Amino acid sequence: METTLTNSDNDLPARTELRLWQRQMQRRPSLLNQFARRVQIRLNALLPERVHQAITAAIRQMVRGVLFGSQYTTSQPLTARTLAQREFVARNQIRNYRTMATAEGAVTGAGGFLLGLADFPILIGLKMKLLFDLGAAYGYDVHDYTERLYLLHVFQLAFSSQHTRNLTYQRLADWDAYRLTLPLNPEKFDWRTFQQEYRDYIDLAKMAQLLPFVGAAVGAVANYKLIDQLGETAMNCYRLRHFAAQEAGS
């Protein structure tokens, strides 16, 4: 892992945003969260089985690609950068991926049911490529197996229920200790829980994309917000590691 060169007052905005985000991640599930969960279960029952199968297959392949593949490892870790410099790069990456995802959501949403189904694996690919690029922007070697698992946990934190979010946040907040408990065999990664949480989270936002007439608008807006949320989550997770490393080295 690489640390930044300086600890300046320029880090204050990042610290402030991080504290606000931490409070959100540690909230107890509200009555609204519980109600939304019940609604989600009912909506899942309305989706055709082939939609569920397509999402599950796409997520399974994505997890395996992250753990074993090389298709995401194009970026090299940035060296000798301050936190502010890293975040400048990170924000540009998020903006670029957000633009791509918005356009992709509009095209597939306008194309009807079959193209709407194609949106799921395409969007997952964009999200994971963004995470790999953000990891490199913050100076981490995403070729490392435990760093790839870290990215999967960031992904899960961004797209899960509040109950699962609380648990995942605790793991990420104490990552240096938690990573020692991870299985050495990547096949033992619990992708089933991972994919179910993701499915439950995005189904409500994405189901309307399969509808005629409104699919394009829904697809564009949903993809914009999903990429934006993932980018914000990843930035705060890396801020958490950055400041923890600073405190450990002081």
C-alpha atoms as a PDB file:
ATOM      1  CA  MET A   1       0.000   0.000   0.000  1.00  0.00           C
ATOM      2  CA  GLU A   2       1.210   3.494  -0.800  1.00  0.00           C
ATOM      3  CA  THR A   3       0.718   6.492   1.500  1.00  0.00           C
ATOM      4  CA  THR A   4       0.410  10.128   0.470  1.00  0.00           C
ATOM      5  CA  LEU A   5       3.247  12.569   0.900  1.00  0.00           C
ATOM      6  CA  THR A   6       1.682  15.303   2.985  1.00  0.00           C
ATOM      7  CA  ASN A   7      -1.015  15.888   5.579  1.00  0.00           C
ATOM      8  CA  SER A   8      -2.295  19.351   4.761  1.00  0.00           C
ATOM      9  CA  ASP A   9      -5.302  21.478   5.563  1.00  0.00           C
ATOM     10  CA  ASN A  10      -6.530  20.607   2.064  1.00  0.00           C
ATOM     11  CA  ASP A  11      -7.681  17.305   3.551  1.00  0.00           C
ATOM     12  CA  LEU A  12     -10.241  19.038   5.776  1.00  0.00           C
ATOM     13  CA  PRO A  13     -13.139  18.933   3.247  1.00  0.00           C
ATOM     14  CA  ALA A  14     -12.496  15.220   2.700  1.00  0.00           C
ATOM     15  CA  ARG A  15     -12.509  14.606   6.459  1.00  0.00           C
ATOM     16  CA  THR A  16     -15.794  16.488   6.832  1.00  0.00           C
ATOM     17  CA  GLU A  17     -17.480  14.569   4.010  1.00  0.00           C
ATOM     18  CA  LEU A  18     -16.140  11.316   5.451  1.00  0.00           C
ATOM     19  CA  ARG A  19     -17.646  11.972   8.891  1.00  0.00           C
ATOM     20  CA  LEU A  20     -21.073  12.692   7.393  1.00  0.00           C
ATOM     21  CA  TRP A  21     -20.867   9.557   5.278  1.00  0.00           C
ATOM     22  CA  GLN A  22     -19.808   7.440   8.267  1.00  0.00           C
ATOM     23  CA  ARG A  23     -22.910   8.482  10.169  1.00  0.00           C
ATOM     24  CA  GLN A  24     -25.074   7.416   7.227  1.00  0.00           C
ATOM     25  CA  MET A  25     -23.365   4.032   7.012  1.00  0.00           C
ATOM     26  CA  GLN A  26     -23.899   3.313  10.713  1.00  0.00           C
ATOM     27  CA  ARG A  27     -27.563   4.238  10.991  1.00  0.00           C
ATOM     28  CA  ARG A  28     -29.941   1.601  12.254  1.00  0.00           C
ATOM     29  CA  PRO A  29     -32.493   0.335   9.723  1.00  0.00           C
ATOM     30  CA  SER A  30     -35.495   2.663   9.876  1.00  0.00           C
ATOM     31  CA  LEU A  31     -39.167   1.778   9.569  1.00  0.00           C
ATOM     32  CA  LEU A  32     -38.980   3.089   6.018  1.00  0.00           C
ATOM     33  CA  ASN A  33     -36.056   0.750   5.276  1.00  0.00           C
ATOM     34  CA  GLN A  34     -38.048  -2.190   6.606  1.00  0.00           C
ATOM     35  CA  PHE A  35     -41.128  -1.200   4.606  1.00  0.00           C
ATOM     36  CA  ALA A  36     -39.043  -0.812   1.436  1.00  0.00           C
ATOM     37  CA  ARG A  37     -37.610  -4.265   2.050  1.00  0.00           C
ATOM     38  CA  ARG A  38     -41.092  -5.791   2.179  1.00  0.00           C
ATOM     39  CA  VAL A  39     -42.112  -3.952  -0.978  1.00  0.00           C
ATOM     40  CA  GLN A  40     -38.949  -5.175  -2.689  1.00  0.00           C
ATOM     41  CA  ILE A  41     -39.740  -8.792  -1.892  1.00  0.00           C
ATOM     42  CA  ARG A  42     -43.172  -8.401  -3.480  1.00  0.00           C
ATOM     43  CA  LEU A  43     -41.755  -6.680  -6.548  1.00  0.00           C
ATOM     44  CA  ASN A  44     -39.198  -9.443  -7.002  1.00  0.00           C
ATOM     45  CA  ALA A  45     -42.047 -11.906  -7.305  1.00  0.00           C
ATOM     46  CA  LEU A  46     -43.450  -9.903 -10.236  1.00  0.00           C
ATOM     47  CA  LEU A  47     -40.272 -10.051 -12.314  1.00  0.00           C
ATOM     48  CA  PRO A  48     -40.073 -12.805 -14.948  1.00  0.00           C
ATOM     49  CA  GLU A  49     -37.775 -15.657 -14.009  1.00  0.00           C
ATOM     50  CA  ARG A  50     -35.501 -14.991 -16.969  1.00  0.00           C
ATOM     51  CA  VAL A  51     -34.815 -11.503 -15.593  1.00  0.00           C
ATOM     52  CA  HIS A  52     -33.719 -12.985 -12.275  1.00  0.00           C
ATOM     53  CA  GLN A  53     -31.586 -15.556 -14.082  1.00  0.00           C
ATOM     54  CA  ALA A  54     -29.932 -12.910 -16.256  1.00  0.00           C
ATOM     55  CA  ILE A  55     -29.041 -10.739 -13.266  1.00  0.00           C
ATOM     56  CA  THR A  56     -27.758 -13.681 -11.232  1.00  0.00           C
ATOM     57  CA  ALA A  57     -25.593 -14.949 -14.103  1.00  0.00           C
ATOM     58  CA  ALA A  58     -24.183 -11.490 -14.751  1.00  0.00           C
ATOM     59  CA  ILE A  59     -23.267 -10.976 -11.096  1.00  0.00           C
ATOM     60  CA  ARG A  60     -21.715 -14.433 -10.807  1.00  0.00           C
ATOM     61  CA  GLN A  61     -19.530 -13.794 -13.846  1.00  0.00           C
ATOM     62  CA  MET A  62     -18.594 -10.370 -12.547  1.00  0.00           C
ATOM     63  CA  VAL A  63     -17.452 -11.760  -9.194  1.00  0.00           C
ATOM     64  CA  ARG A  64     -15.387 -14.446 -10.900  1.00  0.00           C
ATOM     65  CA  GLY A  65     -13.940 -11.881 -13.276  1.00  0.00           C
ATOM     66  CA  VAL A  66     -12.894  -9.690 -10.383  1.00  0.00           C
ATOM     67  CA  LEU A  67     -11.284 -12.551  -8.478  1.00  0.00           C
ATOM     68  CA  PHE A  68      -9.590 -14.352 -11.352  1.00  0.00           C
ATOM     69  CA  GLY A  69      -9.675 -12.208 -14.489  1.00  0.00           C
ATOM     70  CA  SER A  70      -7.444  -9.517 -15.897  1.00  0.00           C
ATOM     71  CA  GLN A  71     -10.016  -7.494 -17.820  1.00  0.00           C
ATOM     72  CA  TYR A  72     -10.236  -4.813 -15.128  1.00  0.00           C
ATOM     73  CA  THR A  73      -6.547  -4.371 -14.315  1.00  0.00           C
ATOM     74  CA  THR A  74      -5.595  -1.735 -16.884  1.00  0.00           C
ATOM     75  CA  SER A  75      -4.690   1.075 -14.487  1.00  0.00           C
ATOM     76  CA  GLN A  76      -1.414   1.290 -12.609  1.00  0.00           C
ATOM     77  CA  PRO A  77      -1.386   2.673  -9.056  1.00  0.00           C
ATOM     78  CA  LEU A  78      -0.663   6.391  -8.936  1.00  0.00           C
ATOM     79  CA  THR A  79       2.527   7.112  -7.050  1.00  0.00           C
ATOM     80  CA  ALA A  80       3.626  10.124  -4.979  1.00  0.00           C
ATOM     81  CA  ARG A  81       0.314  11.986  -4.917  1.00  0.00           C
ATOM     82  CA  THR A  82      -1.426  13.955  -2.177  1.00  0.00           C
ATOM     83  CA  LEU A  83      -4.972  13.021  -1.224  1.00  0.00           C
ATOM     84  CA  ALA A  84      -6.288  16.128  -3.001  1.00  0.00           C
ATOM     85  CA  GLN A  85      -4.486  15.125  -6.205  1.00  0.00           C
ATOM     86  CA  ARG A  86      -5.849  11.591  -6.014  1.00  0.00           C
ATOM     87  CA  GLU A  87      -9.374  12.852  -5.497  1.00  0.00           C
ATOM     88  CA  PHE A  88      -9.096  15.166  -8.488  1.00  0.00           C
ATOM     89  CA  VAL A  89      -8.337  12.107 -10.614  1.00  0.00           C
ATOM     90  CA  ALA A  90     -11.074  10.095  -8.887  1.00  0.00           C
ATOM     91  CA  ARG A  91     -13.762  12.718  -9.505  1.00  0.00           C
ATOM     92  CA  ASN A  92     -12.853  12.903 -13.186  1.00  0.00           C
ATOM     93  CA  GLN A  93     -13.100   9.128 -13.458  1.00  0.00           C
ATOM     94  CA  ILE A  94     -16.503   9.088 -11.780  1.00  0.00           C
ATOM     95  CA  ARG A  95     -17.758  11.823 -14.115  1.00  0.00           C
ATOM     96  CA  ASN A  96     -16.545   9.910 -17.196  1.00  0.00           C
ATOM     97  CA  TYR A  97     -18.104   6.615 -16.120  1.00  0.00           C
ATOM     98  CA  ARG A  98     -21.303   8.397 -15.138  1.00  0.00           C
ATOM     99  CA  THR A  99     -21.555   9.832 -18.639  1.00  0.00           C
ATOM    100  CA  MET A 100     -20.981   6.428 -20.233  1.00  0.00           C
ATOM    101  CA  ALA A 101     -23.503   4.703 -17.960  1.00  0.00           C
ATOM    102  CA  THR A 102     -26.141   7.377 -18.550  1.00  0.00           C
ATOM    103  CA  ALA A 103     -25.842   7.028 -22.323  1.00  0.00           C
ATOM    104  CA  GLU A 104     -25.867   3.238 -22.090  1.00  0.00           C
ATOM    105  CA  GLY A 105     -28.962   3.266 -19.882  1.00  0.00           C
ATOM    106  CA  ALA A 106     -30.829   5.524 -22.288  1.00  0.00           C
ATOM    107  CA  VAL A 107     -29.982   3.362 -25.320  1.00  0.00           C
ATOM    108  CA  THR A 108     -30.836   0.029 -23.720  1.00  0.00           C
ATOM    109  CA  GLY A 109     -33.920   1.480 -22.028  1.00  0.00           C
ATOM    110  CA  ALA A 110     -35.222   2.704 -25.377  1.00  0.00           C
ATOM    111  CA  GLY A 111     -34.579  -0.677 -26.989  1.00  0.00           C
ATOM    112  CA  GLY A 112     -37.291  -2.615 -25.218  1.00  0.00           C
ATOM    113  CA  PHE A 113     -37.247  -5.700 -23.027  1.00  0.00           C
ATOM    114  CA  LEU A 114     -34.313  -7.598 -24.546  1.00  0.00           C
ATOM    115  CA  LEU A 115     -31.981  -4.610 -24.630  1.00  0.00           C
ATOM    116  CA  GLY A 116     -33.137  -3.755 -21.136  1.00  0.00           C
ATOM    117  CA  LEU A 117     -31.909  -7.165 -19.998  1.00  0.00           C
ATOM    118  CA  ALA A 118     -28.557  -6.485 -21.674  1.00  0.00           C
ATOM    119  CA  ASP A 119     -28.146  -3.399 -19.519  1.00  0.00           C
ATOM    120  CA  PHE A 120     -27.491  -5.430 -16.348  1.00  0.00           C
ATOM    121  CA  PRO A 121     -24.157  -7.040 -17.347  1.00  0.00           C
ATOM    122  CA  ILE A 122     -23.012  -3.910 -19.190  1.00  0.00           C
ATOM    123  CA  LEU A 123     -23.669  -1.708 -16.175  1.00  0.00           C
ATOM    124  CA  ILE A 124     -21.962  -4.162 -13.816  1.00  0.00           C
ATOM    125  CA  GLY A 125     -18.885  -4.095 -16.051  1.00  0.00           C
ATOM    126  CA  LEU A 126     -18.783  -0.303 -15.964  1.00  0.00           C
ATOM    127  CA  LYS A 127     -19.138  -0.269 -12.193  1.00  0.00           C
ATOM    128  CA  MET A 128     -16.328  -2.734 -11.626  1.00  0.00           C
ATOM    129  CA  LYS A 129     -14.022  -1.001 -14.089  1.00  0.00           C
ATOM    130  CA  LEU A 130     -14.683   2.248 -12.217  1.00  0.00           C
ATOM    131  CA  LEU A 131     -13.788   0.604  -8.903  1.00  0.00           C
ATOM    132  CA  PHE A 132     -10.526  -0.749 -10.288  1.00  0.00           C
ATOM    133  CA  ASP A 133      -9.609   2.680 -11.654  1.00  0.00           C
ATOM    134  CA  LEU A 134     -10.484   4.351  -8.357  1.00  0.00           C
ATOM    135  CA  GLY A 135      -8.389   1.833  -6.434  1.00  0.00           C
ATOM    136  CA  ALA A 136      -5.424   2.658  -8.650  1.00  0.00           C
ATOM    137  CA  ALA A 137      -6.078   6.407  -8.269  1.00  0.00           C
ATOM    138  CA  TYR A 138      -5.732   6.036  -4.499  1.00  0.00           C
ATOM    139  CA  GLY A 139      -2.461   4.147  -4.924  1.00  0.00           C
ATOM    140  CA  TYR A 140      -3.515   0.533  -4.372  1.00  0.00           C
ATOM    141  CA  ASP A 141      -2.387  -2.421  -6.455  1.00  0.00           C
ATOM    142  CA  VAL A 142      -5.604  -4.009  -7.698  1.00  0.00           C
ATOM    143  CA  HIS A 143      -3.676  -7.057  -8.902  1.00  0.00           C
ATOM    144  CA  ASP A 144      -3.528  -8.106  -5.253  1.00  0.00           C
ATOM    145  CA  TYR A 145      -6.185 -10.682  -4.328  1.00  0.00           C
ATOM    146  CA  THR A 146      -7.175  -8.993  -1.057  1.00  0.00           C
ATOM    147  CA  GLU A 147      -7.496  -5.643  -2.834  1.00  0.00           C
ATOM    148  CA  ARG A 148      -9.935  -7.262  -5.237  1.00  0.00           C
ATOM    149  CA  LEU A 149     -11.927  -8.564  -2.316  1.00  0.00           C
ATOM    150  CA  TYR A 150     -11.859  -5.044  -0.911  1.00  0.00           C
ATOM    151  CA  LEU A 151     -13.446  -3.765  -4.139  1.00  0.00           C
ATOM    152  CA  LEU A 152     -16.201  -6.372  -3.868  1.00  0.00           C
ATOM    153  CA  HIS A 153     -16.923  -5.234  -0.316  1.00  0.00           C
ATOM    154  CA  VAL A 154     -17.060  -1.598  -1.474  1.00  0.00           C
ATOM    155  CA  PHE A 155     -19.494  -2.666  -4.178  1.00  0.00           C
ATOM    156  CA  GLN A 156     -21.607  -4.496  -1.596  1.00  0.00           C
ATOM    157  CA  LEU A 157     -21.569  -1.496   0.729  1.00  0.00           C
ATOM    158  CA  ALA A 158     -22.867   0.756  -2.040  1.00  0.00           C
ATOM    159  CA  PHE A 159     -25.685  -1.570  -3.093  1.00  0.00           C
ATOM    160  CA  SER A 160     -27.169  -3.354  -0.099  1.00  0.00           C
ATOM    161  CA  SER A 161     -29.857  -2.995   2.537  1.00  0.00           C
ATOM    162  CA  GLN A 162     -29.134  -0.911   5.627  1.00  0.00           C
ATOM    163  CA  HIS A 163     -28.746  -4.035   7.759  1.00  0.00           C
ATOM    164  CA  THR A 164     -26.090  -5.525   5.464  1.00  0.00           C
ATOM    165  CA  ARG A 165     -24.560  -2.082   5.005  1.00  0.00           C
ATOM    166  CA  ASN A 166     -23.881  -1.780   8.732  1.00  0.00           C
ATOM    167  CA  LEU A 167     -22.027  -5.099   8.797  1.00  0.00           C
ATOM    168  CA  THR A 168     -20.078  -4.412   5.604  1.00  0.00           C
ATOM    169  CA  TYR A 169     -19.065  -0.967   6.840  1.00  0.00           C
ATOM    170  CA  GLN A 170     -17.599  -2.451  10.019  1.00  0.00           C
ATOM    171  CA  ARG A 171     -15.531  -4.864   7.955  1.00  0.00           C
ATOM    172  CA  LEU A 172     -14.198  -2.077   5.743  1.00  0.00           C
ATOM    173  CA  ALA A 173     -13.545   0.234   8.698  1.00  0.00           C
ATOM    174  CA  ASP A 174     -11.271  -2.452  10.193  1.00  0.00           C
ATOM    175  CA  TRP A 175     -10.019  -3.850   6.911  1.00  0.00           C
ATOM    176  CA  ASP A 176      -6.395  -4.516   7.905  1.00  0.00           C
ATOM    177  CA  ALA A 177      -7.613  -6.887  10.612  1.00  0.00           C
ATOM    178  CA  TYR A 178     -10.552  -8.309   8.687  1.00  0.00           C
ATOM    179  CA  ARG A 179      -8.501  -9.143   5.593  1.00  0.00           C
ATOM    180  CA  LEU A 180      -6.490 -11.628   7.704  1.00  0.00           C
ATOM    181  CA  THR A 181      -9.660 -13.651   8.246  1.00  0.00           C
ATOM    182  CA  LEU A 182     -10.525 -13.935   4.540  1.00  0.00           C
ATOM    183  CA  PRO A 183     -10.267 -17.345   2.857  1.00  0.00           C
ATOM    184  CA  LEU A 184      -7.171 -17.906   0.763  1.00  0.00           C
ATOM    185  CA  ASN A 185      -9.283 -19.775  -1.773  1.00  0.00           C
ATOM    186  CA  PRO A 186     -11.259 -17.252  -3.887  1.00  0.00           C
ATOM    187  CA  GLU A 187     -13.849 -19.950  -4.629  1.00  0.00           C
ATOM    188  CA  LYS A 188     -15.067 -19.604  -1.042  1.00  0.00           C
ATOM    189  CA  PHE A 189     -16.228 -16.036  -1.553  1.00  0.00           C
ATOM    190  CA  ASP A 190     -19.930 -15.792  -0.640  1.00  0.00           C
ATOM    191  CA  TRP A 191     -21.154 -14.496  -3.976  1.00  0.00           C
ATOM    192  CA  ARG A 192     -24.714 -15.718  -3.327  1.00  0.00           C
ATOM    193  CA  THR A 193     -25.333 -13.236  -0.527  1.00  0.00           C
ATOM    194  CA  PHE A 194     -23.480 -10.632  -2.556  1.00  0.00           C
ATOM    195  CA  GLN A 195     -25.651 -11.049  -5.655  1.00  0.00           C
ATOM    196  CA  GLN A 196     -28.919 -11.262  -3.703  1.00  0.00           C
ATOM    197  CA  GLU A 197     -28.263  -7.953  -1.959  1.00  0.00           C
ATOM    198  CA  TYR A 198     -27.358  -6.318  -5.253  1.00  0.00           C
ATOM    199  CA  ARG A 199     -30.433  -7.695  -6.978  1.00  0.00           C
ATOM    200  CA  ASP A 200     -32.711  -6.552  -4.194  1.00  0.00           C
ATOM    201  CA  TYR A 201     -31.182  -3.090  -4.237  1.00  0.00           C
ATOM    202  CA  ILE A 202     -31.330  -2.372  -7.962  1.00  0.00           C
ATOM    203  CA  ASP A 203     -34.525  -4.213  -8.969  1.00  0.00           C
ATOM    204  CA  LEU A 204     -36.771  -1.375  -7.853  1.00  0.00           C
ATOM    205  CA  ALA A 205     -34.690   1.242  -9.667  1.00  0.00           C
ATOM    206  CA  LYS A 206     -34.193  -0.778 -12.830  1.00  0.00           C
ATOM    207  CA  MET A 207     -37.469  -2.664 -13.273  1.00  0.00           C
ATOM    208  CA  ALA A 208     -39.171   0.370 -14.810  1.00  0.00           C
ATOM    209  CA  GLN A 209     -36.429   0.468 -17.445  1.00  0.00           C
ATOM    210  CA  LEU A 210     -38.048  -2.579 -19.016  1.00  0.00           C
ATOM    211  CA  LEU A 211     -41.332  -0.722 -19.515  1.00  0.00           C
ATOM    212  CA  PRO A 212     -42.217   0.760 -22.923  1.00  0.00           C
ATOM    213  CA  PHE A 213     -42.107   4.539 -23.518  1.00  0.00           C
ATOM    214  CA  VAL A 214     -40.418   5.436 -20.210  1.00  0.00           C
ATOM    215  CA  GLY A 215     -37.519   2.957 -20.360  1.00  0.00           C
ATOM    216  CA  ALA A 216     -34.986   5.350 -21.881  1.00  0.00           C
ATOM    217  CA  ALA A 217     -35.514   8.089 -19.309  1.00  0.00           C
ATOM    218  CA  VAL A 218     -35.577   5.652 -16.408  1.00  0.00           C
ATOM    219  CA  GLY A 219     -32.452   3.871 -17.635  1.00  0.00           C
ATOM    220  CA  ALA A 220     -30.478   7.081 -18.002  1.00  0.00           C
ATOM    221  CA  VAL A 221     -31.437   8.470 -14.587  1.00  0.00           C
ATOM    222  CA  ALA A 222     -31.012   5.153 -12.754  1.00  0.00           C
ATOM    223  CA  ASN A 223     -27.575   4.513 -14.227  1.00  0.00           C
ATOM    224  CA  TYR A 224     -26.449   8.070 -13.446  1.00  0.00           C
ATOM    225  CA  LYS A 225     -27.457   7.722  -9.811  1.00  0.00           C
ATOM    226  CA  LEU A 226     -26.059   4.201  -9.385  1.00  0.00           C
ATOM    227  CA  ILE A 227     -22.627   5.176 -10.720  1.00  0.00           C
ATOM    228  CA  ASP A 228     -22.668   8.350  -8.639  1.00  0.00           C
ATOM    229  CA  GLN A 229     -23.494   6.385  -5.500  1.00  0.00           C
ATOM    230  CA  LEU A 230     -20.774   3.825  -6.167  1.00  0.00           C
ATOM    231  CA  GLY A 231     -18.208   6.571  -6.756  1.00  0.00           C
ATOM    232  CA  GLU A 232     -19.112   8.363  -3.536  1.00  0.00           C
ATOM    233  CA  THR A 233     -18.949   5.123  -1.564  1.00  0.00           C
ATOM    234  CA  ALA A 234     -15.555   4.179  -2.992  1.00  0.00           C
ATOM    235  CA  MET A 235     -14.053   7.611  -2.358  1.00  0.00           C
ATOM    236  CA  ASN A 236     -15.129   7.543   1.278  1.00  0.00           C
ATOM    237  CA  CYS A 237     -13.848   4.000   1.763  1.00  0.00           C
ATOM    238  CA  TYR A 238     -10.437   5.028   0.478  1.00  0.00           C
ATOM    239  CA  ARG A 239     -10.519   8.172   2.602  1.00  0.00           C
ATOM    240  CA  LEU A 240     -11.136   5.907   5.572  1.00  0.00           C
ATOM    241  CA  ARG A 241      -8.015   3.898   4.751  1.00  0.00           C
ATOM    242  CA  HIS A 242      -5.975   7.004   4.033  1.00  0.00           C
ATOM    243  CA  PHE A 243      -6.668   8.685   7.356  1.00  0.00           C
ATOM    244  CA  ALA A 244      -6.284   5.397   9.265  1.00  0.00           C
ATOM    245  CA  ALA A 245      -2.837   4.973   7.698  1.00  0.00           C
ATOM    246  CA  GLN A 246      -1.970   8.570   8.626  1.00  0.00           C
ATOM    247  CA  GLU A 247      -2.940   8.011  12.246  1.00  0.00           C
ATOM    248  CA  ALA A 248      -1.038   4.733  12.420  1.00  0.00           C
ATOM    249  CA  GLY A 249       2.084   6.423  11.058  1.00  0.00           C
ATOM    250  CA  SER A 250       1.919   9.471  13.316  1.00  0.00           C
END
